[in-house]
């Protein structure tokens, strides 16, 4: 439904009470701009909640996901923000260790 060409993971936590405008401002703060057809993924401090902001070329979409048990696999604070593949994002949103899947979809870390 929404075309996503690139997916970006912001390492530093975001307040999950943030609405669309606050999340949009945070993307500009972290990544410099909000590019059309890009998705930007943020988590809360405990990595139990995610927010994904997508600019579809005409407006923005903001989606939220929450785990009731455990936490999302998240890089350490202070690490560089990084690009994810579609397969990595799919693994991330269901709570799997996405960082074990390389950009080509091949598992490269056990």
Protein backbone atom coordinates (compact mmCIF):
# COMPACT_ATOMS: atom_id res chain seq x y z
CA UNK A 1 0.00 0.00 0.00
CA UNK A 2 2.78 2.44 0.89
CA UNK A 3 5.99 2.33 -1.15
CA UNK A 4 9.10 2.23 1.03
CA UNK A 5 12.46 2.48 -0.71
CA UNK A 6 14.72 2.81 2.34
CA UNK A 7 14.36 2.07 6.04
CA UNK A 8 16.36 3.92 8.69
CA UNK A 9 16.80 2.89 12.31
CA UNK A 10 17.35 5.64 14.89
CA UNK A 11 19.38 4.24 17.77
CA UNK A 12 18.59 6.84 20.45
CA UNK A 13 15.23 6.29 22.22
CA UNK A 14 12.15 8.42 21.54
CA UNK A 15 9.25 9.28 23.85
CA UNK A 16 6.39 7.08 22.64
CA UNK A 17 3.84 9.73 23.60
CA UNK A 18 5.08 11.68 20.56
CA UNK A 19 2.50 12.30 17.87
CA UNK A 20 3.04 12.77 14.17
CA UNK A 21 4.43 16.32 14.37
CA UNK A 22 6.86 15.50 17.19
CA UNK A 23 8.01 12.31 15.45
CA UNK A 24 8.49 14.27 12.22
CA UNK A 25 10.58 16.87 14.05
CA UNK A 26 12.63 14.06 15.62
CA UNK A 27 13.34 12.53 12.19
CA UNK A 28 14.57 15.91 10.94
CA UNK A 29 16.71 16.29 14.08
CA UNK A 30 18.28 12.82 13.75
CA UNK A 31 18.49 12.34 9.97
CA UNK A 32 18.54 15.94 8.71
CA UNK A 33 15.56 15.58 6.34
CA UNK A 34 12.48 13.46 5.80
CA UNK A 35 12.81 11.82 2.39
CA UNK A 36 9.80 10.63 0.37
CA UNK A 37 9.30 6.84 0.43
CA UNK A 38 11.62 6.40 3.41
CA UNK A 39 10.66 4.81 6.74
CA UNK A 40 12.20 5.91 10.04
CA UNK A 41 12.08 3.52 13.01
CA UNK A 42 12.35 4.58 16.67
CA UNK A 43 11.99 2.69 19.96
CA UNK A 44 11.39 3.72 23.54
CA UNK A 45 14.10 3.49 26.20
CA UNK A 46 13.17 -0.09 27.21
CA UNK A 47 12.82 -1.22 23.56
CA UNK A 48 9.32 -2.56 24.19
CA UNK A 49 7.60 -0.14 21.80
CA UNK A 50 8.33 0.98 18.23
CA UNK A 51 7.16 3.86 16.10
CA UNK A 52 7.65 3.93 12.35
CA UNK A 53 7.23 7.19 10.44
CA UNK A 54 6.84 6.94 6.66
CA UNK A 55 6.72 9.86 4.22
CA UNK A 56 4.70 8.67 1.21
CA UNK A 57 5.42 11.71 -0.98
CA UNK A 58 2.22 13.56 -0.04
CA UNK A 59 1.96 13.14 3.72
CA UNK A 60 3.26 11.13 6.63
CA UNK A 61 2.11 7.89 8.26
CA UNK A 62 2.92 7.00 11.85
CA UNK A 63 2.57 3.41 13.02
CA UNK A 64 3.18 2.00 16.49
CA UNK A 65 3.98 -1.52 17.68
CA UNK A 66 4.21 -2.85 21.23
CA UNK A 67 5.57 -6.12 22.60
CA UNK A 68 3.74 -7.50 25.62
CA UNK A 69 6.66 -9.80 26.50
CA UNK A 70 10.37 -9.26 26.03
CA UNK A 71 11.85 -6.40 24.04
CA UNK A 72 12.87 -5.56 20.49
CA UNK A 73 16.48 -6.22 19.53
CA UNK A 74 18.01 -2.75 19.51
CA UNK A 75 21.55 -1.43 19.03
CA UNK A 76 23.37 0.06 22.00
CA UNK A 77 22.87 3.76 22.62
CA UNK A 78 25.69 5.69 21.02
CA UNK A 79 25.90 3.38 17.99
CA UNK A 80 25.43 4.93 14.56
CA UNK A 81 21.95 5.16 13.06
CA UNK A 82 21.68 2.53 10.35
CA UNK A 83 19.84 1.43 7.26
CA UNK A 84 17.71 -1.74 7.34
CA UNK A 85 16.48 -4.04 4.61
CA UNK A 86 12.81 -4.93 4.25
CA UNK A 87 13.54 -8.40 5.66
CA UNK A 88 15.29 -6.88 8.68
CA UNK A 89 12.32 -4.57 9.34
CA UNK A 90 9.90 -7.49 9.10
CA UNK A 91 11.98 -9.44 11.62
CA UNK A 92 12.28 -6.40 13.90
CA UNK A 93 8.55 -5.64 14.12
CA UNK A 94 7.69 -9.19 15.17
CA UNK A 95 10.41 -9.21 17.82
CA UNK A 96 13.02 -11.38 16.11
CA UNK A 97 16.77 -10.58 16.20
CA UNK A 98 16.84 -8.58 12.93
CA UNK A 99 20.56 -7.87 13.24
CA UNK A 100 21.32 -11.49 12.37
CA UNK A 101 19.87 -11.00 8.89
CA UNK A 102 22.16 -9.23 6.40
CA UNK A 103 20.99 -6.68 3.83
CA UNK A 104 20.58 -9.50 1.29
CA UNK A 105 18.30 -11.52 3.57
CA UNK A 106 21.05 -14.02 4.38
CA UNK A 107 21.61 -14.92 8.04
CA UNK A 108 25.21 -13.98 8.70
CA UNK A 109 25.45 -14.00 12.52
CA UNK A 110 24.41 -16.68 14.99
